[in-house]
Amino acid sequence: FVASFIGSPSMNFINGNLDGGKFISEGLELSYSSEAKQNVILGIRPEDMKVVDNGDFHFEASLYSIELTGDQTIVTLKVGSDLITLREDKDYENELNTMVKIKLNPENIFLFDYNSGERIFNNSNLK
C-alpha cells in the first residue's frame, strides 16, 4: 500500500502469476526462479528501469508518451493493457508507438501478494 504513493512518479505495479519459472502477465513475461504462485503483483520504481538500444534487456514495450519535466524525462510505456512509467535523462527522445527495449534493475524488483498486499520477497531471482 505504502509503495503505491511514495515517490513521484510512484512505483509501477503489474498483476501476474509466477508459473514455470516465469512471471507472466498480459504483455510481459520475465524469467524468474521462484515457486509457482497465482495472483502476484510485480512492483518496480521508475528509476529502476532504463530504455536500452541493444544488448541485454528484459522486455519490450510500446512508447506511449514522453514528458520533459526539467532535469528528467518521464517515459510512459504500454505493456499489455497497463501503463508503466520510467525516468530517462532530460535529453531522451523517441517517436511515440515505437517498440523499445527495457532493462530492469533486478535488485529492486518486488513481488507482492495480490490479496494481502504483503511483500513476498524482493528479487535477485530475475534471470
Protein backbone atom coordinates (compact mmCIF):
# COMPACT_ATOMS: atom_id res chain seq x y z
CA PHE A 1 0.00 0.00 0.00
CA VAL A 2 2.71 2.47 1.01
CA ALA A 3 4.73 1.74 -2.16
CA SER A 4 1.79 2.94 -4.26
CA PHE A 5 2.07 6.58 -3.16
CA ILE A 6 5.73 7.13 -2.21
CA GLY A 7 7.84 8.76 -4.91
CA SER A 8 6.99 10.73 -7.99
CA PRO A 9 6.19 9.07 -10.25
CA SER A 10 5.09 6.27 -7.95
CA MET A 11 6.04 2.59 -8.16
CA ASN A 12 4.77 0.63 -11.15
CA PHE A 13 2.57 -2.39 -10.42
CA ILE A 14 1.92 -5.23 -12.84
CA ASN A 15 -0.52 -8.03 -11.98
CA GLY A 16 0.52 -11.54 -12.92
CA ASN A 17 1.40 -15.05 -11.85
CA LEU A 18 4.57 -16.99 -11.13
CA ASP A 19 4.50 -20.19 -13.15
CA GLY A 20 7.04 -22.45 -14.81
CA GLY A 21 9.98 -20.29 -13.78
CA LYS A 22 8.41 -17.12 -15.17
CA PHE A 23 6.50 -14.05 -14.07
CA ILE A 24 3.66 -13.89 -16.59
CA SER A 25 1.20 -11.05 -17.19
CA GLU A 26 -0.59 -9.55 -20.16
CA GLY A 27 2.15 -8.32 -22.47
CA LEU A 28 5.05 -9.28 -20.21
CA GLU A 29 6.96 -12.46 -19.45
CA LEU A 30 10.12 -12.47 -17.31
CA SER A 31 12.28 -15.48 -16.48
CA TYR A 32 12.09 -15.78 -12.72
CA SER A 33 13.38 -18.52 -10.45
CA SER A 34 10.65 -18.94 -7.89
CA GLU A 35 7.95 -21.33 -6.82
CA ALA A 36 4.61 -21.12 -8.62
CA LYS A 37 2.13 -18.64 -7.13
CA GLN A 38 -1.06 -17.17 -8.51
CA ASN A 39 -2.15 -13.53 -8.16
CA VAL A 40 1.07 -11.69 -7.51
CA ILE A 41 1.98 -8.11 -8.23
CA LEU A 42 5.39 -7.14 -9.56
CA GLY A 43 6.48 -3.72 -8.33
CA ILE A 44 9.33 -1.65 -9.70
CA ARG A 45 10.14 2.03 -9.36
CA PRO A 46 10.57 4.23 -12.47
CA GLU A 47 14.24 4.88 -11.65
CA ASP A 48 14.98 1.13 -11.70
CA MET A 49 14.15 0.72 -15.41
CA LYS A 50 16.01 2.01 -18.45
CA VAL A 51 15.46 2.12 -22.21
CA VAL A 52 18.38 0.38 -23.94
CA ASP A 53 19.31 0.33 -27.62
CA ASN A 54 20.91 -3.09 -27.69
CA GLY A 55 22.43 -5.76 -25.51
CA ASP A 56 20.66 -7.36 -22.58
CA PHE A 57 17.07 -6.36 -21.93
CA HIS A 58 14.16 -7.90 -20.05
CA PHE A 59 11.15 -6.98 -22.19
CA GLU A 60 9.85 -4.75 -24.97
CA ALA A 61 7.04 -2.21 -24.67
CA SER A 62 5.32 0.39 -26.81
CA LEU A 63 6.25 4.03 -26.18
CA TYR A 64 3.03 5.74 -25.08
CA SER A 65 4.18 9.24 -24.04
CA ILE A 66 7.25 11.34 -23.26
CA GLU A 67 7.16 14.25 -20.82
CA LEU A 68 10.16 16.51 -20.21
CA THR A 69 10.00 17.68 -16.59
CA GLY A 70 13.13 19.81 -16.42
CA ASP A 71 16.03 17.68 -15.24
CA GLN A 72 14.49 14.38 -16.38
CA THR A 73 12.08 12.89 -18.89
CA ILE A 74 9.16 10.75 -17.75
CA VAL A 75 8.53 7.97 -20.27
CA THR A 76 5.22 6.10 -20.21
CA LEU A 77 5.09 2.65 -21.76
CA LYS A 78 2.18 0.42 -22.71
CA VAL A 79 2.63 -3.16 -21.55
CA GLY A 80 -0.44 -5.20 -22.45
CA SER A 81 -3.29 -3.03 -21.15
CA ASP A 82 -1.14 -1.49 -18.40
CA LEU A 83 0.74 1.81 -18.49
CA ILE A 84 4.05 1.98 -16.62
CA THR A 85 6.50 4.84 -16.24
CA LEU A 86 10.25 5.16 -16.11
CA ARG A 87 12.72 8.01 -15.79
CA GLU A 88 15.21 8.91 -18.51
CA ASP A 89 17.65 11.83 -18.89
CA LYS A 90 16.36 15.18 -19.97
CA ASP A 91 17.74 14.61 -23.49
CA TYR A 92 15.77 11.41 -24.17
CA GLU A 93 13.80 11.49 -27.44
CA ASN A 94 11.96 8.87 -29.44
CA GLU A 95 8.82 8.50 -31.54
CA LEU A 96 5.53 7.51 -29.95
CA ASN A 97 4.25 3.97 -30.59
CA THR A 98 7.82 2.74 -31.13
CA MET A 99 8.72 -0.58 -29.52
CA VAL A 100 11.58 -0.03 -27.06
CA LYS A 101 13.74 -2.47 -25.09
CA ILE A 102 13.60 -2.17 -21.31
CA LYS A 103 16.28 -3.29 -18.86
CA LEU A 104 15.33 -3.69 -15.20
CA ASN A 105 17.48 -3.43 -12.11
CA PRO A 106 16.84 -6.94 -10.71
CA GLU A 107 17.87 -6.00 -7.19
CA ASN A 108 14.99 -3.52 -6.91
CA ILE A 109 12.08 -5.62 -8.11
CA PHE A 110 9.49 -6.57 -5.53
CA LEU A 111 6.72 -9.14 -5.55
CA PHE A 112 3.57 -8.62 -3.53
CA ASP A 113 0.70 -10.94 -2.72
CA TYR A 114 -2.37 -9.60 -4.56
CA ASN A 115 -4.84 -10.42 -1.77
CA SER A 116 -2.92 -9.30 1.32
CA GLY A 117 -0.65 -6.67 -0.24
CA GLU A 118 2.27 -8.10 1.73
CA ARG A 119 5.68 -8.24 0.14
CA ILE A 120 6.55 -11.80 -0.83
CA PHE A 121 10.23 -11.05 -1.38
CA ASN A 122 12.43 -8.64 -3.19
CA ASN A 123 14.20 -10.16 -6.07
CA SER A 124 17.60 -11.21 -7.00
CA ASN A 125 15.90 -14.13 -8.77
CA LEU A 126 15.23 -12.34 -12.07
CA LYS A 127 17.19 -14.05 -14.85
